[in-house]
Amino acid sequence: MAIIITDECINCDACISECPNNAIYEPDQAWAYADETALKGIVKLPSGGEVDADAENDPISDEFYFIVPEKCTECKGFHDEPQCASVCPVDCCVPDTNHVETEDALLNKKAWLHGE
């Protein structure tokens, strides 16, 4: 499953540089699939359908740092544990029960994001 940042976030930004998928954004920041990934132009989503990877999407939160679930792989294929959770001083990076995925799905998402 993806990781979510709860409203206990103190906006310290410790997590943002730790994310290997650039899935973490500042409050009120637009995001794109292409942001620091191998994705460009129209791409097929792992879940099906197509999306413009370069298109800016609305922020998920305007108050706290947020994680884009479609880009979060729980650091599978990079680290043994989610790095955002390991550096968070207030333990607000927790599993997102609304986005449950298998390890294989997370590894496939990693490969998709990084053109592997």
N, C-alpha and C. Protein backbone atom coordinates (compact mmCIF):
# COMPACT_ATOMS: atom_id res chain seq x y z
N MET A 1 0.83 -1.18 0.00
CA MET A 1 0.00 0.00 0.00
C MET A 1 0.87 1.24 0.00
N ALA A 2 0.30 2.33 -0.36
CA ALA A 2 1.03 3.59 -0.34
C ALA A 2 1.14 4.10 1.09
N ILE A 3 1.94 5.11 1.27
CA ILE A 3 2.07 5.79 2.55
C ILE A 3 1.29 7.09 2.45
N ILE A 4 0.72 7.52 3.56
CA ILE A 4 0.00 8.78 3.61
C ILE A 4 0.60 9.63 4.73
N ILE A 5 0.55 10.94 4.55
CA ILE A 5 1.01 11.86 5.59
C ILE A 5 -0.23 12.39 6.30
N THR A 6 -0.28 12.19 7.60
CA THR A 6 -1.46 12.60 8.37
C THR A 6 -1.41 14.10 8.69
N ASP A 7 -2.50 14.58 9.26
CA ASP A 7 -2.57 16.00 9.61
C ASP A 7 -1.73 16.36 10.83
N GLU A 8 -1.01 15.38 11.36
CA GLU A 8 -0.05 15.66 12.43
C GLU A 8 1.27 16.20 11.88
N CYS A 9 1.39 16.27 10.57
CA CYS A 9 2.60 16.76 9.91
C CYS A 9 2.93 18.18 10.37
N ILE A 10 4.21 18.41 10.64
CA ILE A 10 4.66 19.74 11.06
C ILE A 10 5.37 20.48 9.92
N ASN A 11 5.27 19.92 8.70
CA ASN A 11 5.85 20.54 7.50
C ASN A 11 7.35 20.81 7.66
N CYS A 12 8.06 19.86 8.22
CA CYS A 12 9.50 20.03 8.45
C CYS A 12 10.32 19.76 7.19
N ASP A 13 9.77 19.07 6.24
CA ASP A 13 10.34 18.68 4.94
C ASP A 13 11.46 17.64 5.03
N ALA A 14 11.58 16.93 6.13
CA ALA A 14 12.59 15.87 6.25
C ALA A 14 12.33 14.74 5.26
N CYS A 15 11.08 14.49 4.94
CA CYS A 15 10.71 13.36 4.09
C CYS A 15 10.95 13.60 2.60
N ILE A 16 10.82 14.84 2.17
CA ILE A 16 10.76 15.13 0.74
C ILE A 16 12.02 14.68 -0.02
N SER A 17 13.18 14.88 0.54
CA SER A 17 14.41 14.49 -0.15
C SER A 17 14.70 13.00 -0.05
N GLU A 18 13.99 12.30 0.81
CA GLU A 18 14.20 10.87 1.00
C GLU A 18 13.45 10.01 -0.01
N CYS A 19 12.46 10.56 -0.67
CA CYS A 19 11.59 9.78 -1.55
C CYS A 19 12.26 9.50 -2.90
N PRO A 20 12.51 8.23 -3.22
CA PRO A 20 13.17 7.90 -4.48
C PRO A 20 12.27 8.06 -5.70
N ASN A 21 10.98 8.26 -5.48
CA ASN A 21 10.02 8.38 -6.59
C ASN A 21 9.50 9.80 -6.77
N ASN A 22 10.00 10.74 -5.98
CA ASN A 22 9.49 12.10 -5.99
C ASN A 22 7.96 12.10 -5.87
N ALA A 23 7.47 11.34 -4.89
CA ALA A 23 6.04 11.23 -4.67
C ALA A 23 5.54 12.17 -3.57
N ILE A 24 6.46 12.88 -2.92
CA ILE A 24 6.09 13.76 -1.82
C ILE A 24 6.20 15.22 -2.28
N TYR A 25 5.15 15.97 -1.97
CA TYR A 25 5.08 17.36 -2.41
C TYR A 25 4.76 18.29 -1.24
N GLU A 26 5.14 19.54 -1.41
CA GLU A 26 4.84 20.56 -0.42
C GLU A 26 3.35 20.90 -0.46
N PRO A 27 2.84 21.44 0.64
CA PRO A 27 1.43 21.84 0.65
C PRO A 27 1.10 22.77 -0.51
N ASP A 28 -0.06 22.54 -1.12
CA ASP A 28 -0.57 23.40 -2.19
C ASP A 28 0.28 23.37 -3.46
N GLN A 29 1.10 22.35 -3.64
CA GLN A 29 1.95 22.24 -4.83
C GLN A 29 1.30 21.31 -5.86
N ALA A 30 1.23 21.77 -7.10
CA ALA A 30 0.76 20.92 -8.19
C ALA A 30 1.79 19.81 -8.40
N TRP A 31 1.34 18.67 -8.92
CA TRP A 31 2.25 17.55 -9.14
C TRP A 31 1.99 16.92 -10.51
N ALA A 32 3.00 16.20 -10.99
CA ALA A 32 2.88 15.50 -12.27
C ALA A 32 3.59 14.15 -12.15
N TYR A 33 3.10 13.19 -12.91
CA TYR A 33 3.76 11.88 -12.95
C TYR A 33 5.20 12.01 -13.43
N ALA A 34 5.46 12.96 -14.31
CA ALA A 34 6.78 13.12 -14.90
C ALA A 34 7.82 13.71 -13.95
N ASP A 35 7.38 14.32 -12.87
CA ASP A 35 8.31 14.95 -11.94
C ASP A 35 9.38 13.96 -11.48
N GLU A 36 10.59 14.15 -11.96
CA GLU A 36 11.76 13.34 -11.61
C GLU A 36 11.54 11.84 -11.75
N THR A 37 10.80 11.46 -12.78
CA THR A 37 10.65 10.05 -13.14
C THR A 37 11.02 9.93 -14.62
N ALA A 38 10.91 8.71 -15.15
CA ALA A 38 11.21 8.49 -16.57
C ALA A 38 9.98 8.72 -17.45
N LEU A 39 8.86 9.06 -16.86
CA LEU A 39 7.61 9.21 -17.60
C LEU A 39 7.55 10.55 -18.32
N LYS A 40 7.12 10.50 -19.57
CA LYS A 40 6.95 11.71 -20.38
C LYS A 40 5.79 11.49 -21.34
N GLY A 41 5.03 12.53 -21.60
CA GLY A 41 3.94 12.47 -22.57
C GLY A 41 2.82 11.54 -22.12
N ILE A 42 2.08 11.01 -23.08
CA ILE A 42 0.97 10.11 -22.79
C ILE A 42 1.52 8.74 -22.42
N VAL A 43 1.14 8.26 -21.25
CA VAL A 43 1.61 6.95 -20.76
C VAL A 43 0.42 6.12 -20.30
N LYS A 44 0.59 4.82 -20.34
CA LYS A 44 -0.42 3.91 -19.84
C LYS A 44 -0.17 3.68 -18.36
N LEU A 45 -1.20 3.87 -17.56
CA LEU A 45 -1.10 3.66 -16.12
C LEU A 45 -1.03 2.16 -15.80
N PRO A 46 -0.33 1.78 -14.75
CA PRO A 46 -0.30 0.36 -14.36
C PRO A 46 -1.70 -0.20 -14.09
N SER A 47 -2.60 0.65 -13.66
CA SER A 47 -3.98 0.23 -13.37
C SER A 47 -4.87 0.25 -14.60
N GLY A 48 -4.31 0.63 -15.76
CA GLY A 48 -5.09 0.76 -16.98
C GLY A 48 -5.38 2.23 -17.26
N GLY A 49 -5.84 2.51 -18.45
CA GLY A 49 -6.10 3.89 -18.81
C GLY A 49 -4.82 4.61 -19.19
N GLU A 50 -4.98 5.82 -19.66
CA GLU A 50 -3.84 6.63 -20.07
C GLU A 50 -3.91 7.99 -19.39
N VAL A 51 -2.72 8.60 -19.26
CA VAL A 51 -2.64 9.91 -18.64
C VAL A 51 -1.47 10.66 -19.28
N ASP A 52 -1.57 11.97 -19.30
CA ASP A 52 -0.46 12.80 -19.76
C ASP A 52 0.47 12.98 -18.56
N ALA A 53 1.63 12.35 -18.62
CA ALA A 53 2.58 12.38 -17.49
C ALA A 53 3.07 13.79 -17.19
N ASP A 54 3.05 14.66 -18.18
CA ASP A 54 3.55 16.02 -18.00
C ASP A 54 2.48 16.98 -17.45
N ALA A 55 1.23 16.55 -17.44
CA ALA A 55 0.14 17.43 -16.99
C ALA A 55 0.24 17.66 -15.49
N GLU A 56 -0.01 18.90 -15.09
CA GLU A 56 -0.02 19.23 -13.67
C GLU A 56 -1.36 18.84 -13.07
N ASN A 57 -1.30 18.21 -11.91
CA ASN A 57 -2.50 17.79 -11.18
C ASN A 57 -2.66 18.67 -9.94
N ASP A 58 -3.90 18.81 -9.50
CA ASP A 58 -4.17 19.62 -8.32
C ASP A 58 -3.50 19.03 -7.08
N PRO A 59 -3.08 19.88 -6.18
CA PRO A 59 -2.49 19.40 -4.92
C PRO A 59 -3.49 18.53 -4.15
N ILE A 60 -2.97 17.55 -3.43
CA ILE A 60 -3.81 16.69 -2.60
C ILE A 60 -4.11 17.38 -1.27
N SER A 61 -3.20 18.23 -0.82
CA SER A 61 -3.40 18.97 0.44
C SER A 61 -2.88 20.39 0.27
N ASP A 62 -3.58 21.31 0.88
CA ASP A 62 -3.10 22.70 0.87
C ASP A 62 -2.55 23.11 2.23
N GLU A 63 -2.53 22.16 3.19
CA GLU A 63 -2.05 22.46 4.53
C GLU A 63 -0.78 21.70 4.92
N PHE A 64 -0.65 20.47 4.42
CA PHE A 64 0.45 19.61 4.85
C PHE A 64 1.15 19.00 3.63
N TYR A 65 2.38 18.56 3.84
CA TYR A 65 3.05 17.79 2.81
C TYR A 65 2.16 16.61 2.48
N PHE A 66 2.22 16.15 1.23
CA PHE A 66 1.37 15.02 0.83
C PHE A 66 2.13 14.07 -0.08
N ILE A 67 1.65 12.84 -0.11
CA ILE A 67 2.24 11.79 -0.94
C ILE A 67 1.22 11.43 -2.02
N VAL A 68 1.67 11.39 -3.27
CA VAL A 68 0.82 10.98 -4.38
C VAL A 68 0.81 9.44 -4.39
N PRO A 69 -0.33 8.82 -4.09
CA PRO A 69 -0.35 7.35 -3.98
C PRO A 69 0.04 6.64 -5.27
N GLU A 70 -0.26 7.25 -6.41
CA GLU A 70 0.08 6.63 -7.69
C GLU A 70 1.58 6.61 -7.95
N LYS A 71 2.35 7.37 -7.17
CA LYS A 71 3.81 7.39 -7.33
C LYS A 71 4.54 6.72 -6.16
N CYS A 72 3.81 6.42 -5.08
CA CYS A 72 4.44 5.82 -3.89
C CYS A 72 4.58 4.32 -4.05
N THR A 73 5.78 3.83 -3.80
CA THR A 73 6.05 2.38 -3.86
C THR A 73 6.51 1.85 -2.50
N GLU A 74 6.31 2.62 -1.45
CA GLU A 74 6.82 2.27 -0.12
C GLU A 74 8.32 2.02 -0.14
N CYS A 75 9.00 2.59 -1.11
CA CYS A 75 10.45 2.45 -1.32
C CYS A 75 10.85 1.03 -1.71
N LYS A 76 9.88 0.18 -2.10
CA LYS A 76 10.21 -1.18 -2.55
C LYS A 76 11.17 -1.10 -3.73
N GLY A 77 12.18 -1.93 -3.69
CA GLY A 77 13.19 -1.94 -4.74
C GLY A 77 14.31 -0.95 -4.50
N PHE A 78 14.15 -0.09 -3.51
CA PHE A 78 15.17 0.89 -3.13
C PHE A 78 15.69 0.64 -1.71
N HIS A 79 14.75 0.47 -0.78
CA HIS A 79 15.07 0.36 0.65
C HIS A 79 14.20 -0.71 1.30
N ASP A 80 14.58 -1.13 2.49
CA ASP A 80 13.82 -2.14 3.22
C ASP A 80 12.57 -1.58 3.88
N GLU A 81 12.51 -0.27 4.07
CA GLU A 81 11.35 0.36 4.69
C GLU A 81 11.13 1.73 4.07
N PRO A 82 9.90 2.24 4.16
CA PRO A 82 9.63 3.58 3.63
C PRO A 82 10.51 4.62 4.30
N GLN A 83 11.27 5.33 3.50
CA GLN A 83 12.21 6.30 4.04
C GLN A 83 11.54 7.51 4.66
N CYS A 84 10.38 7.90 4.14
CA CYS A 84 9.67 9.04 4.73
C CYS A 84 9.31 8.73 6.18
N ALA A 85 8.83 7.52 6.43
CA ALA A 85 8.46 7.13 7.79
C ALA A 85 9.68 7.05 8.69
N SER A 86 10.80 6.61 8.13
CA SER A 86 11.99 6.44 8.98
C SER A 86 12.60 7.77 9.42
N VAL A 87 12.38 8.84 8.67
CA VAL A 87 12.96 10.14 9.05
C VAL A 87 11.96 11.10 9.68
N CYS A 88 10.70 10.75 9.68
CA CYS A 88 9.66 11.66 10.19
C CYS A 88 9.78 11.81 11.71
N PRO A 89 9.95 13.05 12.18
CA PRO A 89 10.11 13.26 13.62
C PRO A 89 8.81 13.12 14.43
N VAL A 90 7.66 13.14 13.75
CA VAL A 90 6.39 13.05 14.47
C VAL A 90 5.58 11.81 14.07
N ASP A 91 6.19 10.90 13.34
CA ASP A 91 5.54 9.64 12.94
C ASP A 91 4.21 9.84 12.24
N CYS A 92 4.17 10.79 11.31
CA CYS A 92 2.93 11.03 10.59
C CYS A 92 2.89 10.38 9.21
N CYS A 93 3.93 9.66 8.82
CA CYS A 93 3.95 8.91 7.56
C CYS A 93 3.55 7.48 7.88
N VAL A 94 2.31 7.14 7.53
CA VAL A 94 1.73 5.85 7.91
C VAL A 94 1.14 5.15 6.69
N PRO A 95 0.91 3.83 6.77
CA PRO A 95 0.28 3.12 5.65
C PRO A 95 -1.09 3.69 5.32
N ASP A 96 -1.36 3.80 4.04
CA ASP A 96 -2.63 4.33 3.54
C ASP A 96 -3.55 3.15 3.23
N THR A 97 -4.47 2.87 4.10
CA THR A 97 -5.35 1.71 3.92
C THR A 97 -6.31 1.87 2.75
N ASN A 98 -6.38 3.05 2.17
CA ASN A 98 -7.21 3.26 0.98
C ASN A 98 -6.48 2.89 -0.30
N HIS A 99 -5.19 2.60 -0.21
CA HIS A 99 -4.39 2.26 -1.38
C HIS A 99 -3.52 1.04 -1.08
N VAL A 100 -4.16 -0.11 -0.92
CA VAL A 100 -3.47 -1.36 -0.61
C VAL A 100 -2.98 -1.99 -1.91
N GLU A 101 -1.68 -2.34 -1.94
CA GLU A 101 -1.08 -2.97 -3.12
C GLU A 101 -0.13 -4.08 -2.66
N THR A 102 0.01 -5.09 -3.50
CA THR A 102 0.95 -6.17 -3.20
C THR A 102 2.37 -5.69 -3.45
N GLU A 103 3.34 -6.44 -2.92
CA GLU A 103 4.73 -6.10 -3.17
C GLU A 103 5.04 -6.15 -4.66
N ASP A 104 4.50 -7.14 -5.37
CA ASP A 104 4.71 -7.22 -6.82
C ASP A 104 4.16 -5.98 -7.53
N ALA A 105 2.99 -5.52 -7.12
CA ALA A 105 2.41 -4.32 -7.73
C ALA A 105 3.28 -3.10 -7.46
N LEU A 106 3.82 -3.01 -6.24
CA LEU A 106 4.69 -1.87 -5.90
C LEU A 106 5.98 -1.92 -6.72
N LEU A 107 6.55 -3.12 -6.90
CA LEU A 107 7.77 -3.25 -7.70
C LEU A 107 7.50 -2.95 -9.17
N ASN A 108 6.33 -3.35 -9.67
CA ASN A 108 5.96 -3.02 -11.05
C ASN A 108 5.77 -1.52 -11.23
N LYS A 109 5.20 -0.86 -10.22
CA LYS A 109 5.03 0.59 -10.27
C LYS A 109 6.39 1.28 -10.29
N LYS A 110 7.33 0.78 -9.48
CA LYS A 110 8.68 1.33 -9.47
C LYS A 110 9.30 1.23 -10.86
N ALA A 111 9.19 0.05 -11.47
CA ALA A 111 9.74 -0.15 -12.82
C ALA A 111 9.07 0.79 -13.82
N TRP A 112 7.77 0.98 -13.71
CA TRP A 112 7.03 1.88 -14.60
C TRP A 112 7.50 3.31 -14.43
N LEU A 113 7.63 3.76 -13.18
CA LEU A 113 8.05 5.14 -12.92
C LEU A 113 9.46 5.45 -13.42
N HIS A 114 10.33 4.45 -13.37
CA HIS A 114 11.75 4.68 -13.68
C HIS A 114 12.19 4.06 -15.00
N GLY A 115 11.23 3.61 -15.81
CA GLY A 115 11.55 3.10 -17.15
C GLY A 115 12.44 1.87 -17.13
N GLU A 116 12.23 1.00 -16.18
CA GLU A 116 13.06 -0.22 -16.07
C GLU A 116 12.48 -1.37 -16.85
